Amino acid sequence: MKFKQTDGQNQRIERITTSHLVVGIDIAKETHVAQATNFRGIVLSQRHLTFSNTIEGFEKLVRWIDGLKQKHRLQGLIIGMEPTGHYGSNLANWLADKGINVVMVNPATTKRNKENRDNSPSKNDPKDALVIADVVSRGFYYEYSRQAAVFQRLRTMMSDREYWVTNSVRLQNRIIRWIDIRFPEYFSVFKDWTCKRSLATLKEFPFPQDIESLSVSEVITAWRAHMQRAGGSTGMQKAAQLISLAKRSVGDKTALNEANQDLHRLLQEFERIVEILNEIEKDIQKLLSEIPMADQLRSIKGLGSICTAAILSGAGDLRQYAHGRQLLRKAGLNLAESTSGKRKGQIVLSKRGDATLRKYLYLATIQLVGNNPVFRQLHENNVQIKHMKKQQSVFKLLGKLARIIISIVQKGETFSPEIAAPTFTQAA
């Protein structure tokens, strides 16, 4: 099925008839501003409306709109606003629950159209509201629809997880900095400092001088307080390496008591965040079992639960998309170029969309190239036969992943390697 963006644009323009009242709202944290025009952009309100972000303010907006509709004998209504963080979500949901048609305008569109009426770069709330109404009347908007409760729950969980992941990365960087200063040779023994043996070492022997005079058996005995198989297959070797490196360490030996307290607090916080993330991921796994299309996505070998959850939380119900290109546009992964006359500009990603969805679609493709035989073969073919750069091949496969995801959801099927890449599967 071919999907043309111009078809959707024309349909959005045709929806606004001569009997429509077009309302633009500039969203703020506490006080919103509204302006009203007809389908041609003629301002119908004598003065802009200012209303608070409360139920009284919302009802004031509805009374103002009803008065304009009666005065100018208009039947239809479309309200446009910018997705200004979380500030406008309560108003948009309240209006949508009342059956009022609410649409969203990209802030970049508002910015580029603010000089249309007065040829001035000046900016204020009433002018922004009028610009939003103008661009809505020309069809430069997208539909606002509340997702089903299960997708809203998933989005909340993934947002929570992103916050704690960010904190975890920040904390890990600080712990690595601490080790670099106090025991720089440490990473030649433990490539991954978050493993059980490494954490046990940091708790028992944070400084080189704590371990340099000990024997291998004494180190292993201390480890047993934090892990079951303290000796293990490599325990004695690791202990011997640590003792040897500690004797000739060049780590900083000043302010040891303060540094020890610092590391103790950092490790406590790190373990707390790890526990929180584990709990969130268990909840995500449980919630995914309630979404049938999640099983369809996970039928793609190599597509993990977190990437599946991120795609569904960012894109919502995938049945609302007719083609993979719509999903790419939602994530800002559609291509953009600038050409004029003989000059042909470089083709780049638009990056006008959900940044989190864009990140996880990219990470999902990387996972599939590494773990899925079909995507691995397609990647090798792109690089070796078609002579693409590796990154170029990854983004090409990202587009294929988007098309596959929408296709299997629309058809109610699971992933089939034979359909996804018939040439390679037949050859295999």
Protein backbone atom coordinates (compact mmCIF):
# COMPACT_ATOMS: atom_id res chain seq x y z
CA MET A 1 0.00 0.00 0.00
CA LYS A 2 1.33 3.39 -1.01
CA PHE A 3 1.06 6.19 1.52
CA LYS A 4 1.26 9.81 0.35
CA GLN A 5 1.68 12.63 2.83
CA THR A 6 -0.09 15.05 0.45
CA ASP A 7 -3.27 12.97 0.62
CA GLY A 8 -3.42 13.40 4.38
CA GLN A 9 -2.68 17.13 4.04
CA ASN A 10 -5.53 17.61 1.59
CA GLN A 11 -7.94 15.69 3.81
CA ARG A 12 -7.06 17.87 6.80
CA ILE A 13 -7.73 21.04 4.78
CA GLU A 14 -11.03 19.70 3.39
CA ARG A 15 -12.27 18.91 6.90
CA ILE A 16 -12.43 22.62 7.76
CA THR A 17 -15.55 24.01 6.09
CA THR A 18 -17.16 27.45 5.85
CA SER A 19 -19.19 26.70 8.99
CA HIS A 20 -16.15 25.98 11.18
CA LEU A 21 -14.86 28.07 14.06
CA VAL A 22 -11.08 27.70 14.33
CA VAL A 23 -9.63 28.35 17.80
CA GLY A 24 -5.92 28.62 18.51
CA ILE A 25 -4.68 28.31 22.11
CA ASP A 26 -1.24 29.33 23.35
CA ILE A 27 -0.47 27.00 26.24
CA ALA A 28 1.32 28.08 29.42
CA LYS A 29 1.73 26.60 32.89
CA GLU A 30 -0.96 28.65 34.66
CA THR A 31 -2.70 30.93 32.12
CA HIS A 32 -3.67 30.07 28.53
CA VAL A 33 -4.58 32.51 25.72
CA ALA A 34 -7.10 31.79 22.93
CA GLN A 35 -7.89 33.47 19.61
CA ALA A 36 -10.65 32.55 17.14
CA THR A 37 -10.90 32.83 13.33
CA ASN A 38 -13.12 31.47 10.57
CA PHE A 39 -11.93 29.06 7.87
CA ARG A 40 -10.36 31.95 5.89
CA GLY A 41 -8.34 33.26 8.84
CA ILE A 42 -10.55 36.29 9.56
CA VAL A 43 -10.40 37.09 13.28
CA LEU A 44 -13.85 36.72 14.84
CA SER A 45 -13.09 37.65 18.46
CA GLN A 46 -12.92 41.33 19.40
CA ARG A 47 -10.25 40.51 21.94
CA HIS A 48 -8.26 37.43 22.84
CA LEU A 49 -9.43 35.29 25.75
CA THR A 50 -7.23 34.66 28.79
CA PHE A 51 -8.22 31.74 31.01
CA SER A 52 -6.62 29.78 33.84
CA ASN A 53 -5.49 26.15 33.82
CA THR A 54 -8.39 25.14 36.10
CA ILE A 55 -11.90 23.75 35.63
CA GLU A 56 -13.28 27.30 35.95
CA GLY A 57 -10.93 28.45 33.19
CA PHE A 58 -11.89 25.53 30.94
CA GLU A 59 -15.60 26.28 31.37
CA LYS A 60 -14.90 29.95 30.64
CA LEU A 61 -13.29 28.87 27.34
CA VAL A 62 -16.33 26.79 26.37
CA ARG A 63 -18.75 29.68 27.13
CA TRP A 64 -16.59 32.02 25.03
CA ILE A 65 -16.58 29.56 22.13
CA ASP A 66 -20.36 29.00 22.34
CA GLY A 67 -20.92 32.76 22.24
CA LEU A 68 -18.78 33.14 19.09
CA LYS A 69 -20.52 30.22 17.38
CA GLN A 70 -23.96 31.72 18.04
CA LYS A 71 -22.91 35.23 17.06
CA HIS A 72 -21.41 34.15 13.71
CA ARG A 73 -23.82 31.25 13.09
CA LEU A 74 -21.12 28.61 12.94
CA GLN A 75 -21.69 24.91 13.57
CA GLY A 76 -18.30 23.18 13.44
CA LEU A 77 -15.40 23.64 15.86
CA ILE A 78 -11.72 22.73 15.77
CA ILE A 79 -9.30 23.70 18.52
CA GLY A 80 -5.54 23.77 17.90
CA MET A 81 -2.72 24.00 20.41
CA GLU A 82 0.98 23.23 20.71
CA PRO A 83 2.19 20.16 22.62
CA THR A 84 3.96 22.33 25.22
CA GLY A 85 5.31 19.64 27.51
CA HIS A 86 2.70 18.49 30.01
CA TYR A 87 1.11 21.92 30.49
CA GLY A 88 -1.67 21.46 27.93
CA SER A 89 -2.44 17.78 28.50
CA ASN A 90 -5.19 18.41 31.08
CA LEU A 91 -6.97 20.90 28.82
CA ALA A 92 -6.64 18.68 25.73
CA ASN A 93 -7.97 15.64 27.62
CA TRP A 94 -10.85 17.63 29.11
CA LEU A 95 -11.90 18.93 25.69
CA ALA A 96 -11.48 15.51 24.05
CA ASP A 97 -13.67 13.90 26.73
CA LYS A 98 -16.40 16.38 25.81
CA GLY A 99 -16.21 15.29 22.17
CA ILE A 100 -14.56 18.50 20.97
CA ASN A 101 -12.17 18.14 18.03
CA VAL A 102 -8.65 18.91 19.35
CA VAL A 103 -5.58 19.00 17.09
CA MET A 104 -1.89 19.67 17.69
CA VAL A 105 0.44 22.08 15.88
CA ASN A 106 4.19 21.55 15.73
CA PRO A 107 5.96 24.42 17.57
CA ALA A 108 8.38 24.69 14.62
CA THR A 109 5.39 25.44 12.37
CA THR A 110 4.24 28.22 14.70
CA LYS A 111 7.72 29.71 14.80
CA ARG A 112 8.06 29.77 11.02
CA ASN A 113 4.64 31.37 10.48
CA LYS A 114 4.70 34.08 13.16
CA GLU A 115 5.58 36.85 10.64
CA ASN A 116 2.79 36.05 8.16
CA ARG A 117 0.33 38.68 9.42
CA ASP A 118 2.49 41.61 10.55
CA ASN A 119 5.89 40.93 8.93
CA SER A 120 7.45 41.30 12.37
CA PRO A 121 9.52 38.89 14.47
CA SER A 122 7.75 40.08 17.63
CA LYS A 123 6.28 37.38 19.84
CA ASN A 124 3.56 37.41 22.48
CA ASP A 125 0.85 35.02 23.67
CA PRO A 126 -2.13 36.51 21.77
CA LYS A 127 -0.10 36.57 18.54
CA ASP A 128 1.01 32.96 19.05
CA ALA A 129 -2.61 31.88 19.57
CA LEU A 130 -3.61 33.64 16.34
CA VAL A 131 -0.71 32.00 14.43
CA ILE A 132 -1.83 28.59 15.70
CA ALA A 133 -5.38 29.25 14.46
CA ASP A 134 -3.97 30.33 11.08
CA VAL A 135 -1.88 27.19 10.54
CA VAL A 136 -4.75 24.95 11.65
CA SER A 137 -7.03 26.54 9.04
CA ARG A 138 -4.41 25.65 6.39
CA GLY A 139 -4.23 22.04 7.51
CA PHE A 140 -0.82 22.12 9.22
CA TYR A 141 -1.79 20.02 12.21
CA TYR A 142 -2.09 16.44 13.39
CA GLU A 143 -4.85 14.71 15.30
CA TYR A 144 -4.86 14.50 19.07
CA SER A 145 -6.29 11.29 20.40
CA ARG A 146 -6.04 9.77 23.84
CA GLN A 147 -4.43 6.35 23.73
CA ALA A 148 -6.04 3.34 25.35
CA ALA A 149 -5.34 3.00 29.08
CA VAL A 150 -2.86 0.16 28.59
CA PHE A 151 -0.68 2.31 26.30
CA GLN A 152 -0.85 5.24 28.73
CA ARG A 153 0.28 2.93 31.53
CA LEU A 154 3.12 1.65 29.37
CA ARG A 155 4.19 5.19 28.46
CA THR A 156 4.24 6.17 32.15
CA MET A 157 6.38 3.14 33.01
CA MET A 158 8.86 3.81 30.20
CA SER A 159 9.11 7.48 31.17
CA ASP A 160 9.83 6.39 34.74
CA ARG A 161 12.45 3.91 33.51
CA GLU A 162 14.17 6.56 31.36
CA TYR A 163 14.51 8.80 34.41
CA TRP A 164 16.16 6.08 36.50
CA VAL A 165 18.38 4.93 33.63
CA THR A 166 19.64 8.50 33.28
CA ASN A 167 20.35 8.63 37.02
CA SER A 168 22.09 5.25 36.84
CA VAL A 169 24.40 6.38 34.03
CA ARG A 170 25.27 9.60 35.88
CA LEU A 171 26.00 7.63 39.05
CA GLN A 172 28.11 5.02 37.25
CA ASN A 173 30.22 7.74 35.66
CA ARG A 174 30.90 9.20 39.10
CA ILE A 175 31.92 5.81 40.50
CA ILE A 176 34.24 5.23 37.54
CA ARG A 177 35.79 8.64 38.20
CA TRP A 178 36.31 7.66 41.85
CA ILE A 179 38.09 4.44 40.84
CA ASP A 180 40.25 6.25 38.26
CA ILE A 181 41.51 8.56 41.00
CA ARG A 182 41.99 6.05 43.83
CA PHE A 183 42.84 2.76 42.05
CA PRO A 184 43.46 3.43 38.32
CA GLU A 185 44.79 -0.11 37.71
CA TYR A 186 41.47 -1.63 38.84
CA PHE A 187 39.95 -1.92 35.34
CA SER A 188 42.75 -4.18 34.11
CA VAL A 189 41.29 -6.81 36.51
CA PHE A 190 37.56 -6.06 36.19
CA LYS A 191 36.44 -4.92 32.75
CA ASP A 192 32.91 -4.65 34.13
CA TRP A 193 33.03 -3.01 37.55
CA THR A 194 29.33 -3.78 38.16
CA CYS A 195 29.84 -7.57 38.41
CA LYS A 196 29.34 -9.23 41.83
CA ARG A 197 33.03 -9.83 42.48
CA SER A 198 33.91 -6.24 41.61
CA LEU A 199 31.18 -4.80 43.87
CA ALA A 200 32.37 -7.06 46.69
CA THR A 201 35.92 -5.76 46.19
CA LEU A 202 34.83 -2.11 46.25
CA LYS A 203 32.93 -2.69 49.48
CA GLU A 204 35.73 -4.62 51.26
CA PHE A 205 38.92 -3.15 49.70
CA PRO A 206 38.17 0.26 48.17
CA PHE A 207 41.83 1.38 48.28
CA PRO A 208 44.98 -0.41 47.04
CA GLN A 209 46.56 -0.23 50.51
CA ASP A 210 43.58 -2.22 51.89
CA ILE A 211 44.53 -5.27 49.83
CA GLU A 212 48.25 -5.05 49.11
CA SER A 213 49.31 -6.87 52.32
CA LEU A 214 46.64 -9.62 52.16
CA SER A 215 46.92 -13.15 50.82
CA VAL A 216 44.75 -14.66 48.10
CA SER A 217 42.80 -16.78 50.61
CA GLU A 218 42.09 -13.74 52.80
CA VAL A 219 40.68 -11.82 49.83
CA ILE A 220 38.44 -14.74 48.86
CA THR A 221 37.25 -15.09 52.46
CA ALA A 222 36.23 -11.42 52.48
CA TRP A 223 34.36 -11.86 49.17
CA ARG A 224 32.23 -14.64 50.68
CA ALA A 225 30.29 -12.06 52.71
CA HIS A 226 28.83 -10.73 49.43
CA MET A 227 28.71 -13.72 47.04
CA GLN A 228 28.25 -17.47 47.21
CA ARG A 229 30.98 -18.71 44.87
CA ALA A 230 33.74 -16.40 46.00
CA GLY A 231 36.51 -18.61 44.66
CA GLY A 232 34.81 -19.73 41.48
CA SER A 233 36.75 -20.55 38.36
CA THR A 234 38.63 -17.25 38.24
CA GLY A 235 38.46 -16.08 41.85
CA MET A 236 42.01 -16.95 42.84
CA GLN A 237 43.42 -15.45 39.64
CA LYS A 238 41.49 -12.18 40.14
CA ALA A 239 42.59 -11.95 43.77
CA ALA A 240 46.25 -12.48 42.84
CA GLN A 241 46.02 -9.80 40.12
CA LEU A 242 44.46 -7.30 42.51
CA ILE A 243 47.15 -7.85 45.15
CA SER A 244 49.93 -7.51 42.57
CA LEU A 245 48.50 -4.29 41.10
CA ALA A 246 47.73 -2.81 44.53
CA LYS A 247 51.40 -3.05 45.53
CA ARG A 248 52.45 -0.75 42.68
CA SER A 249 49.34 1.40 42.36
CA VAL A 250 49.71 5.12 41.66
CA GLY A 251 46.28 5.98 43.07
CA ASP A 252 45.71 9.08 45.21
CA LYS A 253 46.23 8.35 48.93
CA THR A 254 44.91 11.57 50.44
CA ALA A 255 41.57 12.17 52.23
CA LEU A 256 41.00 8.42 52.52
CA ASN A 257 38.25 8.57 55.14
CA GLU A 258 36.19 11.12 53.18
CA ALA A 259 36.73 9.23 49.91
CA ASN A 260 35.62 5.97 51.55
CA GLN A 261 32.39 7.57 52.76
CA ASP A 262 31.78 8.98 49.30
CA LEU A 263 32.18 5.57 47.65
CA HIS A 264 30.00 3.91 50.27
CA ARG A 265 27.15 6.32 49.54
CA LEU A 266 27.60 5.98 45.77
CA LEU A 267 27.47 2.17 45.91
CA GLN A 268 24.38 2.23 48.11
CA GLU A 269 22.59 4.54 45.68
CA PHE A 270 23.71 2.46 42.69
CA GLU A 271 22.32 -0.75 44.17
CA ARG A 272 19.07 1.03 45.06
CA ILE A 273 18.62 2.24 41.48
CA VAL A 274 19.42 -1.21 40.08
CA GLU A 275 16.67 -2.66 42.29
CA ILE A 276 14.21 0.02 41.12
CA LEU A 277 15.01 -0.69 37.46
CA ASN A 278 14.53 -4.43 37.99
CA GLU A 279 11.11 -3.81 39.53
CA ILE A 280 10.09 -1.51 36.68
CA GLU A 281 11.20 -4.03 34.05
CA LYS A 282 9.18 -6.78 35.76
CA ASP A 283 6.11 -4.52 35.68
CA ILE A 284 6.75 -3.77 32.00
CA GLN A 285 6.99 -7.49 31.20
CA LYS A 286 3.70 -8.09 32.99
CA LEU A 287 1.96 -5.24 31.17
CA LEU A 288 3.25 -6.37 27.75
CA SER A 289 1.49 -9.71 28.30
CA GLU A 290 -1.80 -7.76 28.25
CA ILE A 291 -1.10 -6.27 24.79
CA PRO A 292 -1.61 -8.79 21.95
CA MET A 293 0.45 -6.80 19.43
CA ALA A 294 3.42 -6.97 21.81
CA ASP A 295 3.64 -10.71 21.11
CA GLN A 296 3.62 -9.95 17.38
CA LEU A 297 6.56 -7.57 17.78
CA ARG A 298 8.46 -9.99 20.01
CA SER A 299 8.09 -12.67 17.35
CA ILE A 300 10.89 -10.77 15.58
CA LYS A 301 13.93 -12.62 16.93
CA GLY A 302 16.31 -10.22 18.66
CA LEU A 303 13.73 -7.54 19.45
CA GLY A 304 13.85 -7.30 23.24
CA SER A 305 11.03 -6.49 25.64
CA ILE A 306 12.35 -3.02 26.49
CA CYS A 307 12.58 -1.98 22.83
CA THR A 308 9.11 -3.43 22.22
CA ALA A 309 7.72 -1.48 25.18
CA ALA A 310 9.46 1.72 24.05
CA ILE A 311 8.03 1.42 20.53
CA LEU A 312 4.50 0.82 21.80
CA SER A 313 4.70 3.58 24.42
CA GLY A 314 6.02 6.10 21.91
CA ALA A 315 3.84 5.16 18.94
CA GLY A 316 0.72 3.99 20.79
CA ASP A 317 -1.68 1.61 19.08
CA LEU A 318 0.14 0.58 15.91
CA ARG A 319 -3.15 -0.25 14.18
CA GLN A 320 -3.70 3.48 13.63
CA TYR A 321 -0.80 3.59 11.13
CA ALA A 322 -1.36 2.68 7.48
CA HIS A 323 2.31 2.49 6.47
CA GLY A 324 5.74 2.27 8.07
CA ARG A 325 6.57 5.76 6.83
CA GLN A 326 3.98 7.16 9.22
CA LEU A 327 5.80 5.49 12.12
CA LEU A 328 9.12 6.91 10.87
CA ARG A 329 7.59 10.39 10.66
CA LYS A 330 6.22 10.01 14.20
CA ALA A 331 9.79 9.37 15.36
CA GLY A 332 11.34 12.13 13.22
CA LEU A 333 13.17 9.57 11.08
CA ASN A 334 11.75 10.75 7.77
CA LEU A 335 14.30 12.19 5.34
CA ALA A 336 14.72 15.90 4.64
CA GLU A 337 16.76 17.65 1.94
CA SER A 338 17.36 21.18 0.74
CA THR A 339 17.72 21.71 -3.01
CA SER A 340 17.55 24.84 -5.13
CA GLY A 341 18.38 25.17 -8.80
CA LYS A 342 21.65 23.36 -9.47
CA ARG A 343 22.45 23.02 -5.78
CA LYS A 344 21.54 19.72 -4.20
CA GLY A 345 21.81 19.68 -0.44
CA GLN A 346 22.67 16.74 1.75
CA ILE A 347 19.80 14.43 2.75
CA VAL A 348 19.44 14.28 6.54
CA LEU A 349 16.95 13.03 9.13
CA SER A 350 14.26 15.57 9.95
CA LYS A 351 14.38 14.77 13.72
CA ARG A 352 10.92 16.32 14.03
CA GLY A 353 9.23 13.77 16.25
CA ASP A 354 9.44 11.71 19.43
CA ALA A 355 13.14 11.56 20.38
CA THR A 356 12.69 8.56 22.70
CA LEU A 357 10.88 6.58 20.01
CA ARG A 358 13.63 7.53 17.56
CA LYS A 359 16.32 6.30 19.97
CA TYR A 360 14.70 2.94 20.61
CA LEU A 361 13.91 2.24 16.96
CA TYR A 362 17.62 2.78 16.27
CA LEU A 363 18.68 0.57 19.22
CA ALA A 364 16.20 -2.11 18.12
CA THR A 365 17.74 -2.15 14.64
CA ILE A 366 21.22 -2.47 16.11
CA GLN A 367 20.03 -5.44 18.18
CA LEU A 368 18.45 -7.09 15.16
CA VAL A 369 21.59 -6.68 13.04
CA GLY A 370 23.50 -8.49 15.77
CA ASN A 371 20.96 -11.19 16.70
CA ASN A 372 18.49 -11.71 13.85
CA PRO A 373 19.79 -13.83 10.91
CA VAL A 374 17.59 -12.03 8.35
CA PHE A 375 18.65 -8.53 9.38
CA ARG A 376 22.28 -9.65 9.70
CA GLN A 377 22.25 -10.97 6.12
CA LEU A 378 20.54 -7.84 4.82
CA HIS A 379 23.16 -5.71 6.59
CA GLU A 380 26.04 -7.74 5.16
CA ASN A 381 24.51 -7.50 1.69
CA ASN A 382 24.17 -3.71 2.02
CA VAL A 383 27.77 -3.31 3.17
CA GLN A 384 29.56 -5.86 0.99
CA ILE A 385 27.49 -5.98 -2.21
CA LYS A 386 25.91 -2.53 -2.35
CA HIS A 387 28.97 -0.88 -0.74
CA MET A 388 26.97 1.11 1.78
CA LYS A 389 28.54 2.53 4.89
CA LYS A 390 27.56 0.57 8.01
CA GLN A 391 25.58 3.44 9.52
CA GLN A 392 23.81 4.02 6.21
CA SER A 393 22.83 0.35 6.12
CA VAL A 394 21.51 0.50 9.69
CA PHE A 395 19.17 3.39 8.85
CA LYS A 396 17.99 1.63 5.72
CA LEU A 397 17.16 -1.43 7.81
CA LEU A 398 15.45 0.82 10.36
CA GLY A 399 13.00 1.81 7.63
CA LYS A 400 12.47 -1.86 6.81
CA LEU A 401 11.83 -2.62 10.49
CA ALA A 402 9.16 0.10 10.61
CA ARG A 403 7.42 -1.35 7.55
CA ILE A 404 7.59 -4.89 8.97
CA ILE A 405 6.16 -3.79 12.34
CA ILE A 406 3.17 -1.99 10.78
CA SER A 407 2.60 -4.81 8.29
CA ILE A 408 2.45 -7.65 10.82
CA VAL A 409 0.19 -5.61 13.14
CA GLN A 410 -2.20 -4.65 10.34
CA LYS A 411 -2.39 -8.25 9.09
CA GLY A 412 -2.54 -9.80 12.55
CA GLU A 413 0.44 -12.02 11.78
CA THR A 414 3.78 -12.86 13.38
CA PHE A 415 7.18 -12.19 11.85
CA SER A 416 8.05 -14.46 8.91
CA PRO A 417 11.67 -14.54 7.65
CA GLU A 418 10.45 -15.91 4.30
CA ILE A 419 8.28 -12.84 3.71
CA ALA A 420 10.73 -10.32 5.18
CA ALA A 421 13.68 -11.44 3.02
CA PRO A 422 12.64 -14.18 0.56
CA THR A 423 15.91 -14.07 -1.41
CA PHE A 424 18.12 -14.80 1.61
CA THR A 425 15.84 -17.41 3.22
CA GLN A 426 15.58 -19.37 -0.05
CA ALA A 427 19.33 -19.29 -0.47
CA ALA A 428 19.80 -20.54 3.09
